[in-house]
Amino acid sequence: MSRLSASAVVRRYYLYRATARPGFHYPVYTLFLLFNDLTLAQIGLIASIQSVVVVTSEVPTGYIGDRIGRRNSLAVGAAIVLVSNASYLVATDFVGFTFTFVTLSFGGTFVSGSGSAWLYDTLREHDMEEEFTRVSGRGRALGQWLRAGTLVVGGFLYAVNRYYPFYAGVAAAAISLALVLRLPKNRAYDDDSEAFGDDRMTIVDALPIIRDQFSTPDLRWFVAYLALFSGAVLTMDMWIQPIARDTLETTFGPTLETWGIPEGGVLGLLYAAFTVVSAVTSDYASDVEQLLGVRHALLVIPVAIAATYVLAGLVPLLVFPMFFVMKGGHSLLGPITNRYVNDQVQSVGRATLLSAVAMLRNVAGIPFRVGSGVLATWYTSMTAVAVLGAVFLAVAAVLWAVRPPVSADYEPPDAGAG
């Protein structure tokens, strides 16, 4: 067990999550790429390369996390993200910015499986695994609150000097790396512990573990549903900027021009508003899980998000409510889905399997991104998003009717406590 008390560990985790994803450059990075003479086609190609990097790296980096320790994996990821942020300041062409985004995606794969695995096993060491959804949701909320502030600041920093948001991003990434190193190792990876001995997973064990655990009915169809949700619903995130820009220009464009608010500032404020909603909803993930139950939460929330896509396609006034429903709903689902997957898997190989889940979600997103891009070219971005919502609703209805992703008799491990 960690030498730190449970409350001290949780506090350190909250500090890490609060600083892990600052958004100084997020609302303006596309503008910055265009300023550096990249074309939209090149930007799209970079996004495709990122997808390939994620798909090919998730399982190997998850395996590395299980070998070197989850905390050490988080530190490696934070260091690579620091390099990615710094490269914004020296990149000037397609090759340079491809490096920037490839390192960002590669660093993220060290975190995607190990972050959840570290938290779940750390809480279990303190007999607190039933607190996973609450602690994970609160940590996510703290990160979103800080991100909201950095989104606003970054947008206005960009209006002063195009490089200022990226200087701020480097400083924030350095702070995040320092805070990662203050997290305790899981007991099995403690230098003074022999908890696993020779039982640590080898590379030969990695793929059979993934195959065996994915073959269980409780996980197989859930992962399929999660992949469908990621592909059909979360793909909308790539269309927020063009949809928001077009909607703002047709509704509030003259007013914003009269007030002299720069484009970067408007986008920063808009993304900050999304993030505030995400922060609030994430903090209530545990309450929603208790109120609805895992099964109903995983049915109602994705369906509600997808339904707003279809409605916004029919009624343009619902575009901005659609953004908030998507962001808030996703933040609610994150801790709940991570809790469910962690409940189904063993500690040995946990990071590898969680990374495999992330890989499958990214693979599922590729055809949806390509297909929605074609639709957006032929019609509009909003039409593409409405079709994504309709596809999810249709396929999810069949899946829940034939092979429910969460069985009716599922109960979290602490359901019978107290």
Protein backbone atom coordinates (compact mmCIF):
# COMPACT_ATOMS: atom_id res chain seq x y z
CA MET A 1 0.00 0.00 0.00
CA SER A 2 1.16 3.51 -0.68
CA ARG A 3 2.99 5.14 2.22
CA LEU A 4 0.76 8.17 1.72
CA SER A 5 -2.69 8.35 3.25
CA ALA A 6 -5.68 7.90 0.98
CA SER A 7 -6.61 11.59 1.23
CA ALA A 8 -3.06 12.67 0.34
CA VAL A 9 -3.00 10.40 -2.71
CA VAL A 10 -6.35 11.70 -3.91
CA ARG A 11 -5.21 15.31 -3.46
CA ARG A 12 -2.12 14.66 -5.57
CA TYR A 13 -4.27 13.00 -8.20
CA TYR A 14 -6.57 16.01 -8.30
CA LEU A 15 -3.60 18.36 -8.78
CA TYR A 16 -2.34 16.20 -11.62
CA ARG A 17 -5.71 16.05 -13.35
CA ALA A 18 -6.21 19.79 -12.92
CA THR A 19 -3.05 20.53 -14.90
CA ALA A 20 -2.96 17.59 -17.32
CA ARG A 21 -4.84 19.20 -20.21
CA PRO A 22 -4.59 23.01 -20.26
CA GLY A 23 -6.21 24.56 -23.31
CA PHE A 24 -4.25 27.73 -24.02
CA HIS A 25 -3.79 26.89 -27.70
CA TYR A 26 -6.82 24.69 -28.33
CA PRO A 27 -9.27 27.33 -29.67
CA VAL A 28 -6.68 28.85 -31.99
CA TYR A 29 -4.38 26.07 -33.18
CA THR A 30 -6.19 25.75 -36.52
CA LEU A 31 -5.81 29.49 -37.06
CA PHE A 32 -2.12 29.16 -36.20
CA LEU A 33 -1.63 26.38 -38.75
CA LEU A 34 -3.34 28.44 -41.42
CA PHE A 35 -1.15 31.41 -40.49
CA ASN A 36 1.86 29.17 -41.18
CA ASP A 37 0.52 28.51 -44.71
CA LEU A 38 -0.78 24.99 -44.15
CA THR A 39 -3.80 24.13 -46.27
CA LEU A 40 -6.99 22.53 -45.02
CA ALA A 41 -6.02 19.38 -46.91
CA GLN A 42 -2.69 19.25 -45.06
CA ILE A 43 -4.44 19.78 -41.73
CA GLY A 44 -6.78 16.91 -42.55
CA LEU A 45 -3.83 14.72 -43.51
CA ILE A 46 -2.15 15.44 -40.18
CA ALA A 47 -5.35 14.35 -38.39
CA SER A 48 -5.33 11.09 -40.37
CA ILE A 49 -1.68 10.47 -39.46
CA GLN A 50 -2.58 11.07 -35.82
CA SER A 51 -5.26 8.37 -36.04
CA VAL A 52 -2.74 5.88 -37.43
CA VAL A 53 -0.29 6.71 -34.63
CA VAL A 54 -2.95 6.19 -31.96
CA VAL A 55 -4.19 2.91 -33.44
CA THR A 56 -0.70 1.44 -33.77
CA SER A 57 0.59 2.73 -30.42
CA GLU A 58 -2.21 2.11 -27.92
CA VAL A 59 -1.54 -1.56 -27.15
CA PRO A 60 2.29 -1.32 -27.15
CA THR A 61 2.27 1.71 -24.83
CA GLY A 62 -0.35 0.06 -22.62
CA TYR A 63 1.94 -2.96 -22.37
CA ILE A 64 4.83 -0.65 -21.49
CA GLY A 65 2.68 0.85 -18.75
CA ASP A 66 2.08 -2.60 -17.30
CA ARG A 67 5.83 -3.32 -17.39
CA ILE A 68 7.39 -0.08 -16.13
CA GLY A 69 4.52 0.95 -13.87
CA ARG A 70 1.47 3.12 -14.48
CA ARG A 71 2.93 6.20 -12.74
CA ASN A 72 6.10 5.95 -14.83
CA SER A 73 4.00 5.57 -17.97
CA LEU A 74 2.11 8.76 -17.08
CA ALA A 75 5.45 10.53 -16.63
CA VAL A 76 6.69 9.37 -20.04
CA GLY A 77 3.45 10.60 -21.61
CA ALA A 78 3.72 13.98 -19.88
CA ALA A 79 7.32 14.39 -21.06
CA ILE A 80 6.39 13.64 -24.67
CA VAL A 81 3.46 16.10 -24.49
CA LEU A 82 5.90 18.73 -23.19
CA VAL A 83 8.06 18.16 -26.29
CA SER A 84 4.95 18.45 -28.48
CA ASN A 85 4.00 21.80 -26.93
CA ALA A 86 7.53 23.14 -27.33
CA SER A 87 7.63 22.13 -31.00
CA TYR A 88 4.83 24.62 -31.80
CA LEU A 89 7.40 27.36 -31.23
CA VAL A 90 9.83 26.10 -33.87
CA ALA A 91 7.62 24.36 -36.46
CA THR A 92 7.05 26.33 -39.64
CA ASP A 93 5.84 23.82 -42.23
CA PHE A 94 3.86 20.62 -42.80
CA VAL A 95 6.66 18.33 -41.61
CA GLY A 96 7.25 20.34 -38.45
CA PHE A 97 3.60 20.43 -37.46
CA THR A 98 3.17 16.76 -38.29
CA PHE A 99 5.86 16.11 -35.67
CA THR A 100 3.97 18.33 -33.23
CA PHE A 101 0.71 16.41 -33.54
CA VAL A 102 2.27 12.96 -33.85
CA THR A 103 4.14 13.44 -30.58
CA LEU A 104 0.96 14.77 -28.97
CA SER A 105 -0.97 11.65 -29.98
CA PHE A 106 1.88 9.30 -29.09
CA GLY A 107 2.23 10.88 -25.64
CA GLY A 108 -1.50 10.54 -25.10
CA THR A 109 -1.37 6.78 -25.65
CA PHE A 110 0.91 6.44 -22.61
CA VAL A 111 -1.85 8.05 -20.55
CA SER A 112 -5.08 6.59 -22.00
CA GLY A 113 -4.77 3.16 -20.37
CA SER A 114 -2.33 3.82 -17.55
CA GLY A 115 -4.21 6.78 -16.06
CA SER A 116 -7.39 4.84 -15.36
CA ALA A 117 -5.45 1.70 -14.35
CA TRP A 118 -3.29 3.65 -11.90
CA LEU A 119 -6.28 5.28 -10.22
CA TYR A 120 -8.33 2.08 -9.94
CA ASP A 121 -5.47 0.06 -8.44
CA THR A 122 -4.43 2.91 -6.14
CA LEU A 123 -7.95 3.22 -4.75
CA ARG A 124 -8.15 -0.56 -4.36
CA GLU A 125 -4.93 -0.52 -2.32
CA HIS A 126 -6.80 1.74 0.10
CA ASP A 127 -10.03 -0.33 -0.08
CA MET A 128 -11.69 2.54 -1.94
CA GLU A 129 -12.35 1.09 -5.40
CA GLU A 130 -16.06 1.83 -4.97
CA GLU A 131 -15.04 5.52 -5.02
CA PHE A 132 -13.59 5.28 -8.54
CA THR A 133 -16.43 7.05 -10.35
CA ARG A 134 -16.57 9.85 -7.77
CA VAL A 135 -12.81 10.46 -7.66
CA SER A 136 -12.39 10.10 -11.42
CA GLY A 137 -15.32 12.42 -12.08
CA ARG A 138 -14.09 15.03 -9.62
CA GLY A 139 -10.59 14.92 -11.11
CA ARG A 140 -12.00 15.33 -14.59
CA ALA A 141 -14.12 18.26 -13.39
CA LEU A 142 -11.13 20.04 -11.85
CA GLY A 143 -9.24 19.63 -15.10
CA GLN A 144 -12.17 21.05 -17.04
CA TRP A 145 -12.50 24.07 -14.74
CA LEU A 146 -8.85 24.98 -15.20
CA ARG A 147 -9.10 24.26 -18.92
CA ALA A 148 -12.04 26.67 -19.18
CA GLY A 149 -9.91 29.48 -17.82
CA THR A 150 -6.96 28.67 -20.06
CA LEU A 151 -9.20 28.55 -23.14
CA VAL A 152 -10.32 32.13 -22.52
CA VAL A 153 -6.83 33.35 -21.69
CA GLY A 154 -5.34 31.55 -24.69
CA GLY A 155 -7.80 33.10 -27.12
CA PHE A 156 -6.98 36.62 -25.99
CA LEU A 157 -3.24 35.89 -25.74
CA TYR A 158 -3.38 34.91 -29.40
CA ALA A 159 -4.96 38.27 -30.21
CA VAL A 160 -1.93 39.99 -28.59
CA ASN A 161 0.76 37.71 -30.01
CA ARG A 162 0.30 34.49 -31.95
CA TYR A 163 3.02 32.70 -29.96
CA TYR A 164 1.90 33.61 -26.44
CA PRO A 165 -0.62 30.72 -26.05
CA PHE A 166 2.12 28.24 -26.97
CA TYR A 167 4.60 29.68 -24.45
CA ALA A 168 1.88 29.28 -21.83
CA GLY A 169 1.27 25.71 -23.00
CA VAL A 170 4.94 24.79 -22.51
CA ALA A 171 4.93 26.18 -18.96
CA ALA A 172 1.73 24.29 -18.11
CA ALA A 173 3.11 21.02 -19.54
CA ALA A 174 6.24 21.36 -17.41
CA ILE A 175 4.13 21.85 -14.28
CA SER A 176 2.03 18.80 -15.18
CA LEU A 177 5.15 16.64 -15.55
CA ALA A 178 6.38 17.74 -12.12
CA LEU A 179 3.03 16.85 -10.56
CA VAL A 180 2.98 13.41 -12.23
CA LEU A 181 6.29 12.59 -10.56
CA ARG A 182 4.70 13.31 -7.18
CA LEU A 183 2.11 10.56 -7.66
CA PRO A 184 2.92 7.33 -5.77
CA LYS A 185 3.61 4.13 -7.64
CA ASN A 186 1.09 1.31 -7.46
CA ARG A 187 2.04 -1.23 -4.80
CA ALA A 188 3.03 -3.86 -7.39
CA TYR A 189 5.57 -1.43 -8.88
CA ASP A 190 6.94 -0.03 -5.63
CA ASP A 191 10.72 -0.43 -5.46
CA ASP A 192 10.35 -2.07 -2.04
CA SER A 193 7.55 -4.39 -3.07
CA GLU A 194 7.66 -7.93 -4.39
CA ALA A 195 3.90 -8.16 -4.78
CA PHE A 196 3.97 -9.50 -8.30
CA GLY A 197 7.40 -11.11 -8.35
CA ASP A 198 7.69 -13.03 -11.58
CA ASP A 199 4.00 -12.65 -12.33
CA ARG A 200 4.30 -9.37 -14.19
CA MET A 201 2.96 -9.69 -17.67
CA THR A 202 5.37 -10.44 -20.49
CA ILE A 203 4.95 -9.47 -24.11
CA VAL A 204 3.96 -13.07 -24.84
CA ASP A 205 1.09 -12.73 -22.36
CA ALA A 206 -0.26 -9.40 -23.64
CA LEU A 207 -2.30 -10.46 -26.65
CA PRO A 208 -3.83 -13.59 -25.03
CA ILE A 209 -4.96 -11.45 -22.09
CA ILE A 210 -6.69 -9.01 -24.43
CA ARG A 211 -8.28 -11.85 -26.41
CA ASP A 212 -9.50 -13.74 -23.34
CA GLN A 213 -10.98 -10.73 -21.58
CA PHE A 214 -12.60 -9.35 -24.71
CA SER A 215 -14.22 -12.74 -25.31
CA THR A 216 -16.34 -12.45 -22.16
CA PRO A 217 -19.93 -11.37 -22.92
CA ASP A 218 -19.85 -8.65 -20.22
CA LEU A 219 -17.04 -6.88 -22.03
CA ARG A 220 -17.36 -7.86 -25.71
CA TRP A 221 -20.63 -6.11 -26.51
CA PHE A 222 -19.92 -3.22 -24.18
CA VAL A 223 -16.71 -2.43 -26.08
CA ALA A 224 -18.62 -2.70 -29.37
CA TYR A 225 -21.17 -0.19 -28.07
CA LEU A 226 -18.42 2.09 -26.78
CA ALA A 227 -16.74 1.99 -30.19
CA LEU A 228 -20.03 2.87 -31.88
CA PHE A 229 -20.51 5.79 -29.49
CA SER A 230 -16.96 7.06 -30.06
CA GLY A 231 -17.23 6.76 -33.83
CA ALA A 232 -20.73 8.03 -34.51
CA VAL A 233 -21.18 10.51 -31.65
CA LEU A 234 -17.77 11.85 -30.61
CA THR A 235 -16.73 12.46 -34.24
CA MET A 236 -18.88 15.58 -34.00
CA ASP A 237 -16.08 17.22 -32.02
CA MET A 238 -14.08 17.76 -35.23
CA TRP A 239 -16.99 19.75 -36.70
CA ILE A 240 -17.52 22.14 -33.78
CA GLN A 241 -15.29 24.92 -35.12
CA PRO A 242 -16.75 25.15 -38.66
CA ILE A 243 -20.33 24.82 -37.38
CA ALA A 244 -19.77 27.37 -34.61
CA ARG A 245 -18.01 29.78 -36.97
CA ASP A 246 -20.77 29.61 -39.57
CA THR A 247 -23.52 29.95 -36.96
CA LEU A 248 -21.85 32.89 -35.26
CA GLU A 249 -21.30 34.68 -38.57
CA THR A 250 -24.94 34.34 -39.57
CA THR A 251 -26.36 35.31 -36.17
CA PHE A 252 -23.99 37.53 -34.15
CA GLY A 253 -21.36 38.46 -36.75
CA PRO A 254 -22.22 42.18 -37.13
CA THR A 255 -22.55 42.63 -33.36
CA LEU A 256 -19.20 41.00 -32.62
CA GLU A 257 -17.54 43.10 -35.32
CA THR A 258 -19.02 46.27 -33.81
CA TRP A 259 -17.75 45.33 -30.35
CA GLY A 260 -14.29 44.60 -31.75
CA ILE A 261 -14.01 41.11 -30.22
CA PRO A 262 -11.28 39.15 -32.07
CA GLU A 263 -12.04 35.77 -33.63
CA GLY A 264 -9.65 33.99 -31.28
CA GLY A 265 -11.32 35.57 -28.27
CA VAL A 266 -14.79 34.50 -29.40
CA LEU A 267 -13.70 30.91 -29.94
CA GLY A 268 -11.88 30.91 -26.60
CA LEU A 269 -15.02 32.07 -24.79
CA LEU A 270 -17.15 29.53 -26.62
CA TYR A 271 -14.85 26.62 -25.81
CA ALA A 272 -14.59 27.83 -22.22
CA ALA A 273 -18.38 27.70 -21.94
CA PHE A 274 -18.36 24.12 -23.25
CA THR A 275 -15.68 23.23 -20.75
CA VAL A 276 -17.53 24.74 -17.79
CA VAL A 277 -20.53 22.55 -18.63
CA SER A 278 -18.20 19.54 -18.88
CA ALA A 279 -16.67 20.35 -15.50
CA VAL A 280 -20.04 20.62 -13.76
CA THR A 281 -21.44 17.44 -15.27
CA SER A 282 -18.27 15.42 -14.66
CA ASP A 283 -18.42 16.26 -10.98
CA TYR A 284 -21.89 14.69 -10.85
CA ALA A 285 -20.97 11.48 -12.69
CA SER A 286 -21.12 9.43 -9.48
CA ASP A 287 -24.54 10.87 -8.58
CA VAL A 288 -25.89 10.08 -12.04
CA GLU A 289 -24.48 6.56 -11.81
CA GLN A 290 -26.30 6.02 -8.50
CA LEU A 291 -29.51 7.63 -9.76
CA LEU A 292 -29.81 5.84 -13.10
CA GLY A 293 -27.56 2.86 -12.63
CA VAL A 294 -24.78 1.98 -15.05
CA ARG A 295 -27.09 0.22 -17.51
CA HIS A 296 -29.62 3.04 -17.84
CA ALA A 297 -26.96 5.75 -17.84
CA LEU A 298 -25.21 4.08 -20.77
CA LEU A 299 -28.50 3.90 -22.65
CA VAL A 300 -30.09 7.27 -21.89
CA ILE A 301 -27.11 9.63 -22.14
CA PRO A 302 -25.73 8.54 -25.56
CA VAL A 303 -29.23 8.41 -27.03
CA ALA A 304 -29.94 11.93 -25.74
CA ILE A 305 -26.72 13.27 -27.30
CA ALA A 306 -27.39 11.63 -30.67
CA ALA A 307 -31.00 12.87 -30.66
CA THR A 308 -29.80 16.49 -30.34
CA TYR A 309 -27.69 15.99 -33.48
CA VAL A 310 -30.74 15.01 -35.47
CA LEU A 311 -32.88 17.81 -34.00
CA ALA A 312 -30.20 20.46 -34.63
CA GLY A 313 -30.05 19.34 -38.25
CA LEU A 314 -33.75 20.12 -38.51
CA VAL A 315 -33.85 23.23 -36.29
CA PRO A 316 -30.69 25.40 -36.61
CA LEU A 317 -31.47 27.27 -33.36
CA LEU A 318 -30.57 24.07 -31.50
CA VAL A 319 -26.95 24.07 -32.70
CA PHE A 320 -25.47 25.59 -29.54
CA PRO A 321 -27.60 23.49 -27.14
CA MET A 322 -26.34 20.49 -29.15
CA PHE A 323 -22.73 21.45 -28.36
CA PHE A 324 -23.44 21.67 -24.65
CA VAL A 325 -25.35 18.39 -24.53
CA MET A 326 -22.52 16.62 -26.33
CA LYS A 327 -19.79 18.02 -24.08
CA GLY A 328 -21.72 17.56 -20.85
CA GLY A 329 -22.96 14.09 -21.73
CA HIS A 330 -19.49 12.90 -22.69
CA SER A 331 -18.08 14.12 -19.38
CA LEU A 332 -20.80 12.23 -17.51
CA LEU A 333 -20.11 9.01 -19.39
CA GLY A 334 -16.31 9.03 -19.10
CA PRO A 335 -16.00 8.04 -15.40
CA ILE A 336 -18.96 5.63 -15.64
CA THR A 337 -17.58 3.73 -18.64
CA ASN A 338 -14.08 3.62 -17.15
CA ARG A 339 -15.50 2.23 -13.91
CA TYR A 340 -17.41 -0.48 -15.76
CA VAL A 341 -14.40 -1.60 -17.81
CA ASN A 342 -12.13 -1.63 -14.74
CA ASP A 343 -14.67 -3.76 -12.88
CA GLN A 344 -14.49 -6.39 -15.63
CA VAL A 345 -10.71 -6.82 -15.86
CA GLN A 346 -7.88 -8.09 -13.70
CA SER A 347 -5.11 -5.92 -12.26
CA VAL A 348 -2.36 -7.70 -14.21
CA GLY A 349 -2.52 -6.33 -17.73
CA ARG A 350 -5.10 -3.67 -16.83
CA ALA A 351 -3.33 -0.82 -18.65
CA THR A 352 -2.78 -2.99 -21.73
CA LEU A 353 -6.45 -3.90 -21.97
CA LEU A 354 -7.65 -0.35 -21.36
CA SER A 355 -5.29 0.84 -24.10
CA ALA A 356 -6.74 -1.84 -26.39
CA VAL A 357 -10.21 -0.44 -25.69
CA ALA A 358 -8.96 3.05 -26.59
CA MET A 359 -7.42 1.65 -29.78
CA LEU A 360 -10.70 0.06 -30.84
CA ARG A 361 -12.53 3.32 -30.20
CA ASN A 362 -10.08 5.15 -32.45
CA VAL A 363 -10.33 2.50 -35.16
CA ALA A 364 -14.12 2.81 -35.08
CA GLY A 365 -13.83 6.55 -35.51
CA ILE A 366 -11.91 6.40 -38.79
CA PRO A 367 -14.80 5.45 -41.13
CA PHE A 368 -17.11 7.90 -39.37
CA ARG A 369 -14.59 10.73 -39.77
CA VAL A 370 -14.04 9.91 -43.43
CA GLY A 371 -17.75 9.47 -44.14
CA SER A 372 -18.79 12.63 -42.34
CA GLY A 373 -16.06 14.51 -44.21
CA VAL A 374 -17.52 13.39 -47.53
CA LEU A 375 -21.01 14.39 -46.41
CA ALA A 376 -19.77 17.78 -45.19
CA THR A 377 -18.16 18.37 -48.59
CA TRP A 378 -21.30 17.42 -50.50
CA TYR A 379 -23.74 19.16 -48.18
CA THR A 380 -22.88 20.95 -44.90
CA SER A 381 -21.06 20.13 -41.68
CA MET A 382 -24.36 20.21 -39.80
CA THR A 383 -25.92 17.73 -42.21
CA ALA A 384 -22.98 15.38 -41.61
CA VAL A 385 -23.46 15.63 -37.85
CA ALA A 386 -27.20 14.97 -38.12
CA VAL A 387 -26.49 11.81 -40.13
CA LEU A 388 -23.99 10.68 -37.49
CA GLY A 389 -26.67 11.00 -34.84
CA ALA A 390 -29.21 9.10 -36.91
CA VAL A 391 -26.76 6.28 -37.60
CA PHE A 392 -25.98 5.91 -33.91
CA LEU A 393 -29.65 5.82 -32.93
CA ALA A 394 -30.44 3.14 -35.51
CA VAL A 395 -27.50 0.84 -34.75
CA ALA A 396 -27.76 1.32 -30.97
CA ALA A 397 -31.45 0.37 -31.07
CA VAL A 398 -30.59 -2.92 -32.76
CA LEU A 399 -27.72 -3.62 -30.39
CA TRP A 400 -29.75 -3.01 -27.23
CA ALA A 401 -32.56 -5.17 -28.61
CA VAL A 402 -30.34 -8.09 -29.66
CA ARG A 403 -27.20 -7.97 -27.48
CA PRO A 404 -27.51 -5.42 -24.63
CA PRO A 405 -24.05 -3.93 -23.91
CA VAL A 406 -24.70 -4.08 -20.15
CA SER A 407 -26.61 -7.04 -18.76
CA ALA A 408 -29.73 -6.42 -16.72
CA ASP A 409 -28.25 -8.15 -13.66
CA TYR A 410 -25.00 -6.18 -13.57
CA GLU A 411 -24.26 -4.50 -10.24
CA PRO A 412 -21.13 -2.55 -9.31
CA PRO A 413 -18.97 -4.35 -6.73
CA ASP A 414 -20.11 -2.02 -3.95
CA ALA A 415 -23.82 -2.23 -4.83
CA GLY A 416 -24.58 -4.47 -1.96
CA ALA A 417 -22.53 -2.60 0.61
CA GLY A 418 -24.08 -0.85 3.54
